[in-house]
Amino acid sequence: MFKRVFIACTLFIATHAFADNYPDRPIKLIVGYAPGGGTDLVARIVGPSLGRALGQSIVIENKPGAGGSAAASYVAKSKPDGYTLLISSASSVSIYPALNAKADYRQSQFAPVSQLTIAPLVLVVNKDLGVRSVPELIKLAKASPGKLNYSSSGIGSGPHFAGVLFNEVANVQMTHVPFKSGSPAVISVVGGESQLTFATTPTVMQLMRSGQLTGLAVTSKEASPLVEGLPGMRAAGLAGYEMYQWNAIFAPAGTPPEVINKLYAGIKTAMNNPAVKQSLESEGTEVFVSNSPEAFGVFLKSDTKFWERLIAAGGIKAFE
């Protein structure tokens, strides 16, 4: 009995000593996409400020592949010491494991730390479609079930699910056309191969300004300061519709709570930096920090149920 108590006390003291010294070397922040994408830009804006808050450098490491799941798998299997972290959207942490029964990791293998950003998508249509509002789009879709194509950055992506949700809420049938990334999906709408898409703000703002695409609304319920001149879905006539994309930081499951709390405190400090906020807004996303790691965990469970319901509603079987 005494031996067991002694071992437990030793482990407790060692864990707290480790947490007290954390971090004492650089921290890797793993990005599941190639440099230049939305998540990568968030990582490179936030990284330096987070490093200053923690007193150690943040090393951004890109591990692209399989829609972000290669990076998620890597972090899920990393040592839970707070030195290997994942920055991700719902796509690789929640959606990919739900879509792929053969995925080599599960959401339970991550310790949620905090959300970083949140942003709506933008619903845009081909300029020659003759549609200038959401009700006009719905009317056209109902008149020709299945004939309107909406493009996306791939099966299981945010834009894909935005279309699935639109079909459901508006009671229409539009056909999904997946591409390998967001840029060709948007280009397909400009060229008329697809009639509409739900896209990230940076990929469509200039095209809307130049008149090559017609913006109808943002996918948030209310208007967004990130996209001036477009209504939210409530004002656009589809009050039951709401969708956001977010980025967040995760550690491997089993990371000591004290380390998670230190990371969270560093994130709060970093995201309060006005320069960080301004830079993120220029890239089409807003600062959004969770109230606590525990609160983020509660949100994650609810958010995952939302994606799982859309997977069922859209009859989505697996990534291609």
C-alpha atoms as a PDB file:
ATOM      1  CA  MET A   1       0.000   0.000   0.000  1.00  0.00           C
ATOM      2  CA  PHE A   2       2.795   2.398   1.004  1.00  0.00           C
ATOM      3  CA  LYS A   3       4.643   1.618  -2.254  1.00  0.00           C
ATOM      4  CA  ARG A   4       1.599   2.461  -4.359  1.00  0.00           C
ATOM      5  CA  VAL A   5       1.098   5.745  -2.494  1.00  0.00           C
ATOM      6  CA  PHE A   6       4.781   6.592  -2.911  1.00  0.00           C
ATOM      7  CA  ILE A   7       4.680   5.949  -6.676  1.00  0.00           C
ATOM      8  CA  ALA A   8       1.504   8.033  -7.041  1.00  0.00           C
ATOM      9  CA  CYS A   9       3.062  10.919  -5.122  1.00  0.00           C
ATOM     10  CA  THR A  10       6.233  10.697  -7.193  1.00  0.00           C
ATOM     11  CA  LEU A  11       4.243  10.861 -10.432  1.00  0.00           C
ATOM     12  CA  PHE A  12       2.199  13.795  -9.102  1.00  0.00           C
ATOM     13  CA  ILE A  13       5.336  15.736  -8.167  1.00  0.00           C
ATOM     14  CA  ALA A  14       7.027  14.939 -11.514  1.00  0.00           C
ATOM     15  CA  THR A  15       3.961  16.035 -13.501  1.00  0.00           C
ATOM     16  CA  HIS A  16       3.715  19.318 -11.619  1.00  0.00           C
ATOM     17  CA  ALA A  17       7.435  19.965 -11.965  1.00  0.00           C
ATOM     18  CA  PHE A  18       7.132  19.369 -15.718  1.00  0.00           C
ATOM     19  CA  ALA A  19       4.142  21.727 -15.949  1.00  0.00           C
ATOM     20  CA  ASP A  20       5.943  24.406 -13.936  1.00  0.00           C
ATOM     21  CA  ASN A  21       8.853  24.366 -16.402  1.00  0.00           C
ATOM     22  CA  TYR A  22       6.666  24.245 -19.508  1.00  0.00           C
ATOM     23  CA  PRO A  23       7.552  25.338 -22.103  1.00  0.00           C
ATOM     24  CA  ASP A  24      11.339  25.096 -22.008  1.00  0.00           C
ATOM     25  CA  ARG A  25      11.887  24.501 -25.746  1.00  0.00           C
ATOM     26  CA  PRO A  26      10.202  25.440 -29.060  1.00  0.00           C
ATOM     27  CA  ILE A  27       6.671  24.225 -29.742  1.00  0.00           C
ATOM     28  CA  LYS A  28       5.624  22.715 -33.079  1.00  0.00           C
ATOM     29  CA  LEU A  29       2.293  23.875 -34.491  1.00  0.00           C
ATOM     30  CA  ILE A  30       1.225  21.413 -37.186  1.00  0.00           C
ATOM     31  CA  VAL A  31      -0.834  22.625 -40.163  1.00  0.00           C
ATOM     32  CA  GLY A  32      -2.617  20.041 -42.312  1.00  0.00           C
ATOM     33  CA  TYR A  33      -2.465  22.071 -45.508  1.00  0.00           C
ATOM     34  CA  ALA A  34       0.140  23.548 -47.825  1.00  0.00           C
ATOM     35  CA  PRO A  35       1.500  27.051 -47.140  1.00  0.00           C
ATOM     36  CA  GLY A  36      -0.779  29.859 -48.243  1.00  0.00           C
ATOM     37  CA  GLY A  37      -4.130  28.317 -47.319  1.00  0.00           C
ATOM     38  CA  GLY A  38      -6.548  29.773 -44.789  1.00  0.00           C
ATOM     39  CA  THR A  39      -5.469  27.650 -41.808  1.00  0.00           C
ATOM     40  CA  ASP A  40      -1.797  28.201 -42.641  1.00  0.00           C
ATOM     41  CA  LEU A  41      -2.315  31.971 -42.736  1.00  0.00           C
ATOM     42  CA  VAL A  42      -4.004  31.888 -39.325  1.00  0.00           C
ATOM     43  CA  ALA A  43      -1.121  29.842 -37.915  1.00  0.00           C
ATOM     44  CA  ARG A  44       1.504  32.247 -39.255  1.00  0.00           C
ATOM     45  CA  ILE A  45      -0.346  35.297 -37.947  1.00  0.00           C
ATOM     46  CA  VAL A  46      -0.991  33.849 -34.498  1.00  0.00           C
ATOM     47  CA  GLY A  47       2.277  31.889 -34.066  1.00  0.00           C
ATOM     48  CA  PRO A  48       4.706  34.728 -33.297  1.00  0.00           C
ATOM     49  CA  SER A  49       2.338  36.379 -30.810  1.00  0.00           C
ATOM     50  CA  LEU A  50       1.638  33.042 -29.090  1.00  0.00           C
ATOM     51  CA  GLY A  51       5.364  32.367 -28.912  1.00  0.00           C
ATOM     52  CA  ARG A  52       5.955  35.685 -27.151  1.00  0.00           C
ATOM     53  CA  ALA A  53       3.134  34.966 -24.701  1.00  0.00           C
ATOM     54  CA  LEU A  54       4.603  31.545 -23.847  1.00  0.00           C
ATOM     55  CA  GLY A  55       8.244  32.623 -23.883  1.00  0.00           C
ATOM     56  CA  GLN A  56       9.215  30.113 -26.571  1.00  0.00           C
ATOM     57  CA  SER A  57       9.235  30.119 -30.358  1.00  0.00           C
ATOM     58  CA  ILE A  58       6.350  28.499 -32.260  1.00  0.00           C
ATOM     59  CA  VAL A  59       7.572  26.493 -35.252  1.00  0.00           C
ATOM     60  CA  ILE A  60       4.953  26.190 -38.005  1.00  0.00           C
ATOM     61  CA  GLU A  61       5.195  22.802 -39.717  1.00  0.00           C
ATOM     62  CA  ASN A  62       3.065  21.968 -42.765  1.00  0.00           C
ATOM     63  CA  LYS A  63       1.975  18.348 -43.215  1.00  0.00           C
ATOM     64  CA  PRO A  64      -0.531  18.464 -46.089  1.00  0.00           C
ATOM     65  CA  GLY A  65      -2.473  15.422 -47.184  1.00  0.00           C
ATOM     66  CA  ALA A  66      -5.918  13.794 -47.130  1.00  0.00           C
ATOM     67  CA  GLY A  67      -7.851  16.953 -46.342  1.00  0.00           C
ATOM     68  CA  GLY A  68      -5.825  17.728 -43.238  1.00  0.00           C
ATOM     69  CA  SER A  69      -6.149  14.251 -41.770  1.00  0.00           C
ATOM     70  CA  ALA A  70      -2.449  13.398 -42.220  1.00  0.00           C
ATOM     71  CA  ALA A  71      -1.510  16.184 -39.827  1.00  0.00           C
ATOM     72  CA  ALA A  72      -4.297  15.271 -37.407  1.00  0.00           C
ATOM     73  CA  SER A  73      -3.136  11.653 -37.340  1.00  0.00           C
ATOM     74  CA  TYR A  74       0.438  12.782 -36.668  1.00  0.00           C
ATOM     75  CA  VAL A  75      -0.554  14.960 -33.715  1.00  0.00           C
ATOM     76  CA  ALA A  76      -3.011  12.404 -32.304  1.00  0.00           C
ATOM     77  CA  LYS A  77      -0.112   9.935 -32.014  1.00  0.00           C
ATOM     78  CA  SER A  78       2.442  12.440 -30.703  1.00  0.00           C
ATOM     79  CA  LYS A  79       3.740  12.556 -27.145  1.00  0.00           C
ATOM     80  CA  PRO A  80       1.210  14.400 -24.948  1.00  0.00           C
ATOM     81  CA  ASP A  81       3.683  16.919 -23.568  1.00  0.00           C
ATOM     82  CA  GLY A  82       2.442  20.174 -25.130  1.00  0.00           C
ATOM     83  CA  TYR A  83       5.283  20.450 -27.640  1.00  0.00           C
ATOM     84  CA  THR A  84       3.340  19.161 -30.660  1.00  0.00           C
ATOM     85  CA  LEU A  85       0.044  20.921 -31.333  1.00  0.00           C
ATOM     86  CA  LEU A  86      -2.509  20.892 -34.148  1.00  0.00           C
ATOM     87  CA  ILE A  87      -4.214  23.920 -35.653  1.00  0.00           C
ATOM     88  CA  SER A  88      -7.313  22.735 -37.471  1.00  0.00           C
ATOM     89  CA  SER A  89     -10.881  23.361 -38.509  1.00  0.00           C
ATOM     90  CA  ALA A  90     -13.716  20.894 -37.932  1.00  0.00           C
ATOM     91  CA  SER A  91     -12.765  19.151 -41.170  1.00  0.00           C
ATOM     92  CA  SER A  92      -9.964  16.943 -39.879  1.00  0.00           C
ATOM     93  CA  VAL A  93     -10.869  16.687 -36.172  1.00  0.00           C
ATOM     94  CA  SER A  94     -14.627  16.101 -36.370  1.00  0.00           C
ATOM     95  CA  ILE A  95     -15.697  15.468 -39.959  1.00  0.00           C
ATOM     96  CA  TYR A  96     -13.004  13.158 -41.330  1.00  0.00           C
ATOM     97  CA  PRO A  97     -13.286  10.530 -38.554  1.00  0.00           C
ATOM     98  CA  ALA A  98     -17.089  10.620 -38.871  1.00  0.00           C
ATOM     99  CA  LEU A  99     -16.911  10.090 -42.635  1.00  0.00           C
ATOM    100  CA  ASN A 100     -14.179   7.488 -42.724  1.00  0.00           C
ATOM    101  CA  ALA A 101     -14.602   4.342 -40.649  1.00  0.00           C
ATOM    102  CA  LYS A 102     -11.020   3.389 -41.543  1.00  0.00           C
ATOM    103  CA  ALA A 103      -9.523   6.635 -40.190  1.00  0.00           C
ATOM    104  CA  ASP A 104      -6.533   5.837 -37.980  1.00  0.00           C
ATOM    105  CA  TYR A 105      -7.523   8.365 -35.308  1.00  0.00           C
ATOM    106  CA  ARG A 106     -10.643   9.586 -33.523  1.00  0.00           C
ATOM    107  CA  GLN A 107     -11.667  12.929 -32.067  1.00  0.00           C
ATOM    108  CA  SER A 108     -11.199  11.460 -28.580  1.00  0.00           C
ATOM    109  CA  GLN A 109      -7.443  11.396 -29.236  1.00  0.00           C
ATOM    110  CA  PHE A 110      -7.285  15.193 -28.989  1.00  0.00           C
ATOM    111  CA  ALA A 111      -7.371  17.532 -26.021  1.00  0.00           C
ATOM    112  CA  PRO A 112      -9.225  20.739 -27.000  1.00  0.00           C
ATOM    113  CA  VAL A 113      -7.349  23.909 -26.030  1.00  0.00           C
ATOM    114  CA  SER A 114      -9.249  26.807 -27.606  1.00  0.00           C
ATOM    115  CA  GLN A 115     -10.852  28.182 -30.694  1.00  0.00           C
ATOM    116  CA  LEU A 116      -8.895  30.956 -32.394  1.00  0.00           C
ATOM    117  CA  THR A 117     -11.039  32.300 -35.201  1.00  0.00           C
ATOM    118  CA  ILE A 118     -14.509  32.155 -36.686  1.00  0.00           C
ATOM    119  CA  ALA A 119     -15.804  33.279 -40.072  1.00  0.00           C
ATOM    120  CA  PRO A 120     -18.834  32.824 -42.298  1.00  0.00           C
ATOM    121  CA  LEU A 121     -18.620  31.652 -45.882  1.00  0.00           C
ATOM    122  CA  VAL A 122     -19.910  33.771 -48.768  1.00  0.00           C
ATOM    123  CA  LEU A 123     -22.655  32.552 -51.103  1.00  0.00           C
ATOM    124  CA  VAL A 124     -21.745  33.696 -54.638  1.00  0.00           C
ATOM    125  CA  VAL A 125     -23.240  32.919 -58.037  1.00  0.00           C
ATOM    126  CA  ASN A 126     -22.146  33.238 -61.649  1.00  0.00           C
ATOM    127  CA  LYS A 127     -22.703  36.805 -62.822  1.00  0.00           C
ATOM    128  CA  ASP A 128     -24.773  35.636 -65.814  1.00  0.00           C
ATOM    129  CA  LEU A 129     -27.122  33.415 -63.813  1.00  0.00           C
ATOM    130  CA  GLY A 130     -29.636  36.233 -63.521  1.00  0.00           C
ATOM    131  CA  VAL A 131     -29.913  35.808 -59.742  1.00  0.00           C
ATOM    132  CA  ARG A 132     -29.493  38.763 -57.370  1.00  0.00           C
ATOM    133  CA  SER A 133     -30.902  37.446 -54.093  1.00  0.00           C
ATOM    134  CA  VAL A 134     -31.302  34.279 -52.061  1.00  0.00           C
ATOM    135  CA  PRO A 135     -35.076  34.032 -52.744  1.00  0.00           C
ATOM    136  CA  GLU A 136     -34.356  34.278 -56.488  1.00  0.00           C
ATOM    137  CA  LEU A 137     -31.811  31.467 -56.167  1.00  0.00           C
ATOM    138  CA  ILE A 138     -34.274  29.292 -54.275  1.00  0.00           C
ATOM    139  CA  LYS A 139     -36.976  29.959 -56.887  1.00  0.00           C
ATOM    140  CA  LEU A 140     -34.604  28.970 -59.693  1.00  0.00           C
ATOM    141  CA  ALA A 141     -33.461  25.832 -57.849  1.00  0.00           C
ATOM    142  CA  LYS A 142     -37.048  24.729 -57.242  1.00  0.00           C
ATOM    143  CA  ALA A 143     -37.936  25.300 -60.887  1.00  0.00           C
ATOM    144  CA  SER A 144     -35.079  23.022 -62.030  1.00  0.00           C
ATOM    145  CA  PRO A 145     -34.373  20.369 -59.350  1.00  0.00           C
ATOM    146  CA  GLY A 146     -30.826  19.013 -59.564  1.00  0.00           C
ATOM    147  CA  LYS A 147     -29.786  21.259 -62.465  1.00  0.00           C
ATOM    148  CA  LEU A 148     -27.953  23.922 -60.464  1.00  0.00           C
ATOM    149  CA  ASN A 149     -24.387  22.870 -59.609  1.00  0.00           C
ATOM    150  CA  TYR A 150     -22.638  24.151 -56.508  1.00  0.00           C
ATOM    151  CA  SER A 151     -18.874  23.701 -56.353  1.00  0.00           C
ATOM    152  CA  SER A 152     -16.765  23.086 -53.259  1.00  0.00           C
ATOM    153  CA  SER A 153     -13.195  22.480 -52.170  1.00  0.00           C
ATOM    154  CA  GLY A 154     -13.917  18.769 -51.764  1.00  0.00           C
ATOM    155  CA  ILE A 155     -16.183  16.164 -50.216  1.00  0.00           C
ATOM    156  CA  GLY A 156     -16.524  16.844 -46.499  1.00  0.00           C
ATOM    157  CA  SER A 157     -15.304  20.445 -46.770  1.00  0.00           C
ATOM    158  CA  GLY A 158     -17.076  23.417 -45.209  1.00  0.00           C
ATOM    159  CA  PRO A 159     -18.377  24.664 -48.589  1.00  0.00           C
ATOM    160  CA  HIS A 160     -19.723  21.174 -49.327  1.00  0.00           C
ATOM    161  CA  PHE A 161     -21.666  21.090 -46.074  1.00  0.00           C
ATOM    162  CA  ALA A 162     -22.834  24.668 -46.641  1.00  0.00           C
ATOM    163  CA  GLY A 163     -24.555  23.424 -49.789  1.00  0.00           C
ATOM    164  CA  VAL A 164     -26.004  20.377 -48.018  1.00  0.00           C
ATOM    165  CA  LEU A 165     -27.468  22.660 -45.350  1.00  0.00           C
ATOM    166  CA  PHE A 166     -28.840  25.053 -47.987  1.00  0.00           C
ATOM    167  CA  ASN A 167     -30.582  22.169 -49.775  1.00  0.00           C
ATOM    168  CA  GLU A 168     -32.120  21.102 -46.487  1.00  0.00           C
ATOM    169  CA  VAL A 169     -33.249  24.485 -45.148  1.00  0.00           C
ATOM    170  CA  ALA A 170     -34.451  25.874 -48.498  1.00  0.00           C
ATOM    171  CA  ASN A 171     -35.987  22.519 -49.506  1.00  0.00           C
ATOM    172  CA  VAL A 172     -34.228  22.471 -52.870  1.00  0.00           C
ATOM    173  CA  GLN A 173     -32.048  20.030 -54.805  1.00  0.00           C
ATOM    174  CA  MET A 174     -28.721  21.349 -56.044  1.00  0.00           C
ATOM    175  CA  THR A 175     -25.924  19.097 -57.291  1.00  0.00           C
ATOM    176  CA  HIS A 176     -22.542  19.048 -55.583  1.00  0.00           C
ATOM    177  CA  VAL A 177     -19.410  19.323 -57.755  1.00  0.00           C
ATOM    178  CA  PRO A 178     -16.244  18.752 -55.666  1.00  0.00           C
ATOM    179  CA  PHE A 179     -12.798  20.098 -56.535  1.00  0.00           C
ATOM    180  CA  LYS A 180      -9.433  19.505 -54.868  1.00  0.00           C
ATOM    181  CA  SER A 181      -9.240  22.995 -53.332  1.00  0.00           C
ATOM    182  CA  GLY A 182     -11.125  26.247 -52.996  1.00  0.00           C
ATOM    183  CA  SER A 183      -9.534  28.186 -55.850  1.00  0.00           C
ATOM    184  CA  PRO A 184     -10.583  25.887 -58.741  1.00  0.00           C
ATOM    185  CA  ALA A 185     -14.040  25.610 -57.176  1.00  0.00           C
ATOM    186  CA  VAL A 186     -14.423  29.389 -57.360  1.00  0.00           C
ATOM    187  CA  ILE A 187     -12.946  29.545 -60.866  1.00  0.00           C
ATOM    188  CA  SER A 188     -15.551  27.006 -62.011  1.00  0.00           C
ATOM    189  CA  VAL A 189     -18.296  29.449 -60.984  1.00  0.00           C
ATOM    190  CA  VAL A 190     -16.588  32.365 -62.719  1.00  0.00           C
ATOM    191  CA  GLY A 191     -16.417  30.287 -65.908  1.00  0.00           C
ATOM    192  CA  GLY A 192     -19.976  28.981 -65.617  1.00  0.00           C
ATOM    193  CA  GLU A 193     -19.076  25.302 -65.176  1.00  0.00           C
ATOM    194  CA  SER A 194     -20.785  25.571 -61.798  1.00  0.00           C
ATOM    195  CA  GLN A 195     -23.497  28.078 -61.014  1.00  0.00           C
ATOM    196  CA  LEU A 196     -22.683  28.875 -57.388  1.00  0.00           C
ATOM    197  CA  THR A 197     -20.434  28.153 -54.456  1.00  0.00           C
ATOM    198  CA  PHE A 198     -20.024  28.838 -50.746  1.00  0.00           C
ATOM    199  CA  ALA A 199     -16.502  30.216 -50.458  1.00  0.00           C
ATOM    200  CA  THR A 200     -14.092  31.730 -47.955  1.00  0.00           C
ATOM    201  CA  THR A 201     -13.966  35.518 -47.956  1.00  0.00           C
ATOM    202  CA  PRO A 202     -10.408  35.952 -49.327  1.00  0.00           C
ATOM    203  CA  THR A 203     -11.098  33.733 -52.364  1.00  0.00           C
ATOM    204  CA  VAL A 204     -14.086  35.744 -53.622  1.00  0.00           C
ATOM    205  CA  MET A 205     -13.854  39.340 -52.385  1.00  0.00           C
ATOM    206  CA  GLN A 206     -11.857  40.684 -55.325  1.00  0.00           C
ATOM    207  CA  LEU A 207     -13.958  38.722 -57.809  1.00  0.00           C
ATOM    208  CA  MET A 208     -17.113  40.276 -56.360  1.00  0.00           C
ATOM    209  CA  ARG A 209     -15.616  43.761 -56.453  1.00  0.00           C
ATOM    210  CA  SER A 210     -14.659  43.320 -60.109  1.00  0.00           C
ATOM    211  CA  GLY A 211     -18.124  42.047 -61.001  1.00  0.00           C
ATOM    212  CA  GLN A 212     -16.977  38.552 -61.993  1.00  0.00           C
ATOM    213  CA  LEU A 213     -19.112  37.005 -59.263  1.00  0.00           C
ATOM    214  CA  THR A 214     -22.377  38.120 -57.680  1.00  0.00           C
ATOM    215  CA  GLY A 215     -22.500  37.915 -53.898  1.00  0.00           C
ATOM    216  CA  LEU A 216     -25.873  37.041 -52.368  1.00  0.00           C
ATOM    217  CA  ALA A 217     -25.251  36.642 -48.616  1.00  0.00           C
ATOM    218  CA  VAL A 218     -22.890  35.457 -45.925  1.00  0.00           C
ATOM    219  CA  THR A 219     -23.662  32.134 -44.259  1.00  0.00           C
ATOM    220  CA  SER A 220     -23.952  33.604 -40.762  1.00  0.00           C
ATOM    221  CA  LYS A 221     -27.417  34.434 -39.486  1.00  0.00           C
ATOM    222  CA  GLU A 222     -26.563  38.133 -39.286  1.00  0.00           C
ATOM    223  CA  ALA A 223     -24.404  40.341 -41.523  1.00  0.00           C
ATOM    224  CA  SER A 224     -20.647  40.145 -40.975  1.00  0.00           C
ATOM    225  CA  PRO A 225     -18.281  43.132 -40.689  1.00  0.00           C
ATOM    226  CA  LEU A 226     -15.844  41.064 -42.748  1.00  0.00           C
ATOM    227  CA  VAL A 227     -18.028  41.333 -45.860  1.00  0.00           C
ATOM    228  CA  GLU A 228     -19.541  44.770 -46.264  1.00  0.00           C
ATOM    229  CA  GLY A 229     -22.659  45.104 -48.369  1.00  0.00           C
ATOM    230  CA  LEU A 230     -23.958  41.541 -48.036  1.00  0.00           C
ATOM    231  CA  PRO A 231     -26.809  40.498 -45.719  1.00  0.00           C
ATOM    232  CA  GLY A 232     -26.790  37.632 -43.276  1.00  0.00           C
ATOM    233  CA  MET A 233     -29.105  34.729 -43.998  1.00  0.00           C
ATOM    234  CA  ARG A 234     -31.887  36.064 -41.770  1.00  0.00           C
ATOM    235  CA  ALA A 235     -32.157  39.333 -43.718  1.00  0.00           C
ATOM    236  CA  ALA A 236     -31.571  37.450 -46.984  1.00  0.00           C
ATOM    237  CA  GLY A 237     -34.736  35.442 -46.406  1.00  0.00           C
ATOM    238  CA  LEU A 238     -33.461  32.117 -45.016  1.00  0.00           C
ATOM    239  CA  ALA A 239     -33.671  32.596 -41.257  1.00  0.00           C
ATOM    240  CA  GLY A 240     -33.175  28.914 -40.432  1.00  0.00           C
ATOM    241  CA  TYR A 241     -29.727  28.830 -42.037  1.00  0.00           C
ATOM    242  CA  GLU A 242     -26.426  29.410 -40.206  1.00  0.00           C
ATOM    243  CA  MET A 243     -22.923  28.100 -40.783  1.00  0.00           C
ATOM    244  CA  TYR A 244     -19.455  29.190 -39.707  1.00  0.00           C
ATOM    245  CA  GLN A 245     -15.954  27.900 -40.242  1.00  0.00           C
ATOM    246  CA  TRP A 246     -13.492  27.992 -37.375  1.00  0.00           C
ATOM    247  CA  ASN A 247      -9.870  27.266 -36.526  1.00  0.00           C
ATOM    248  CA  ALA A 248      -8.689  25.980 -33.174  1.00  0.00           C
ATOM    249  CA  ILE A 249      -5.684  24.518 -31.385  1.00  0.00           C
ATOM    250  CA  PHE A 250      -5.593  20.949 -30.110  1.00  0.00           C
ATOM    251  CA  ALA A 251      -3.044  18.944 -28.123  1.00  0.00           C
ATOM    252  CA  PRO A 252      -2.788  15.144 -28.002  1.00  0.00           C
ATOM    253  CA  ALA A 253      -5.144  13.544 -25.470  1.00  0.00           C
ATOM    254  CA  GLY A 254      -3.395  12.947 -22.163  1.00  0.00           C
ATOM    255  CA  THR A 255      -1.576  16.279 -22.147  1.00  0.00           C
ATOM    256  CA  PRO A 256      -1.451  17.428 -18.486  1.00  0.00           C
ATOM    257  CA  PRO A 257      -4.249  19.886 -17.585  1.00  0.00           C
ATOM    258  CA  GLU A 258      -1.675  22.345 -16.259  1.00  0.00           C
ATOM    259  CA  VAL A 259      -0.019  22.439 -19.683  1.00  0.00           C
ATOM    260  CA  ILE A 260      -3.382  22.857 -21.422  1.00  0.00           C
ATOM    261  CA  ASN A 261      -4.167  25.777 -19.116  1.00  0.00           C
ATOM    262  CA  LYS A 262      -0.807  27.411 -19.839  1.00  0.00           C
ATOM    263  CA  LEU A 263      -1.432  27.079 -23.553  1.00  0.00           C
ATOM    264  CA  TYR A 264      -4.904  28.529 -23.172  1.00  0.00           C
ATOM    265  CA  ALA A 265      -3.583  31.515 -21.187  1.00  0.00           C
ATOM    266  CA  GLY A 266      -0.986  32.096 -23.904  1.00  0.00           C
ATOM    267  CA  ILE A 267      -3.670  31.961 -26.593  1.00  0.00           C
ATOM    268  CA  LYS A 268      -5.814  34.518 -24.753  1.00  0.00           C
ATOM    269  CA  THR A 269      -2.850  36.892 -24.523  1.00  0.00           C
ATOM    270  CA  ALA A 270      -1.856  36.349 -28.153  1.00  0.00           C
ATOM    271  CA  MET A 271      -5.348  36.865 -29.530  1.00  0.00           C
ATOM    272  CA  ASN A 272      -5.788  40.103 -27.553  1.00  0.00           C
ATOM    273  CA  ASN A 273      -2.963  41.621 -29.589  1.00  0.00           C
ATOM    274  CA  PRO A 274      -4.538  44.342 -31.810  1.00  0.00           C
ATOM    275  CA  ALA A 275      -2.057  43.573 -34.599  1.00  0.00           C
ATOM    276  CA  VAL A 276      -3.168  39.933 -34.627  1.00  0.00           C
ATOM    277  CA  LYS A 277      -6.826  40.944 -34.775  1.00  0.00           C
ATOM    278  CA  GLN A 278      -6.199  43.379 -37.620  1.00  0.00           C
ATOM    279  CA  SER A 279      -4.159  40.873 -39.624  1.00  0.00           C
ATOM    280  CA  LEU A 280      -6.791  38.153 -39.236  1.00  0.00           C
ATOM    281  CA  GLU A 281      -9.596  40.493 -40.273  1.00  0.00           C
ATOM    282  CA  SER A 282      -7.637  41.429 -43.395  1.00  0.00           C
ATOM    283  CA  GLU A 283      -7.624  37.703 -44.235  1.00  0.00           C
ATOM    284  CA  GLY A 284     -11.382  37.432 -43.775  1.00  0.00           C
ATOM    285  CA  THR A 285     -11.705  35.947 -40.298  1.00  0.00           C
ATOM    286  CA  GLU A 286     -12.399  37.182 -36.778  1.00  0.00           C
ATOM    287  CA  VAL A 287     -10.796  36.461 -33.420  1.00  0.00           C
ATOM    288  CA  PHE A 288     -12.903  34.078 -31.348  1.00  0.00           C
ATOM    289  CA  VAL A 289     -11.354  32.612 -28.181  1.00  0.00           C
ATOM    290  CA  SER A 290     -13.210  29.983 -26.145  1.00  0.00           C
ATOM    291  CA  ASN A 291     -14.155  30.828 -22.569  1.00  0.00           C
ATOM    292  CA  SER A 292     -11.992  27.929 -21.374  1.00  0.00           C
ATOM    293  CA  PRO A 293     -10.604  24.613 -22.643  1.00  0.00           C
ATOM    294  CA  GLU A 294     -13.575  22.913 -20.984  1.00  0.00           C
ATOM    295  CA  ALA A 295     -16.029  25.236 -22.734  1.00  0.00           C
ATOM    296  CA  PHE A 296     -14.370  24.475 -26.058  1.00  0.00           C
ATOM    297  CA  GLY A 297     -14.755  20.767 -25.349  1.00  0.00           C
ATOM    298  CA  VAL A 298     -18.495  21.222 -24.751  1.00  0.00           C
ATOM    299  CA  PHE A 299     -18.819  23.215 -27.968  1.00  0.00           C
ATOM    300  CA  LEU A 300     -16.880  20.571 -29.885  1.00  0.00           C
ATOM    301  CA  LYS A 301     -19.316  17.831 -28.881  1.00  0.00           C
ATOM    302  CA  SER A 302     -22.278  19.913 -29.998  1.00  0.00           C
ATOM    303  CA  ASP A 303     -20.552  20.986 -33.213  1.00  0.00           C
ATOM    304  CA  THR A 304     -19.666  17.393 -34.066  1.00  0.00           C
ATOM    305  CA  LYS A 305     -23.324  16.379 -33.768  1.00  0.00           C
ATOM    306  CA  PHE A 306     -24.155  19.163 -36.236  1.00  0.00           C
ATOM    307  CA  TRP A 307     -21.691  17.793 -38.809  1.00  0.00           C
ATOM    308  CA  GLU A 308     -22.801  14.200 -38.235  1.00  0.00           C
ATOM    309  CA  ARG A 309     -26.410  15.208 -38.874  1.00  0.00           C
ATOM    310  CA  LEU A 310     -25.412  16.903 -42.138  1.00  0.00           C
ATOM    311  CA  ILE A 311     -23.432  13.822 -43.171  1.00  0.00           C
ATOM    312  CA  ALA A 312     -26.613  11.780 -42.764  1.00  0.00           C
ATOM    313  CA  ALA A 313     -28.820  14.424 -44.427  1.00  0.00           C
ATOM    314  CA  GLY A 314     -26.520  14.664 -47.428  1.00  0.00           C
ATOM    315  CA  GLY A 315     -26.016  10.911 -47.728  1.00  0.00           C
ATOM    316  CA  ILE A 316     -22.255  11.511 -47.670  1.00  0.00           C
ATOM    317  CA  LYS A 317     -20.356   8.249 -47.410  1.00  0.00           C
ATOM    318  CA  ALA A 318     -16.636   9.036 -47.575  1.00  0.00           C
ATOM    319  CA  PHE A 319     -13.980  11.385 -48.846  1.00  0.00           C
ATOM    320  CA  GLU A 320     -12.842  10.957 -52.412  1.00  0.00           C
END
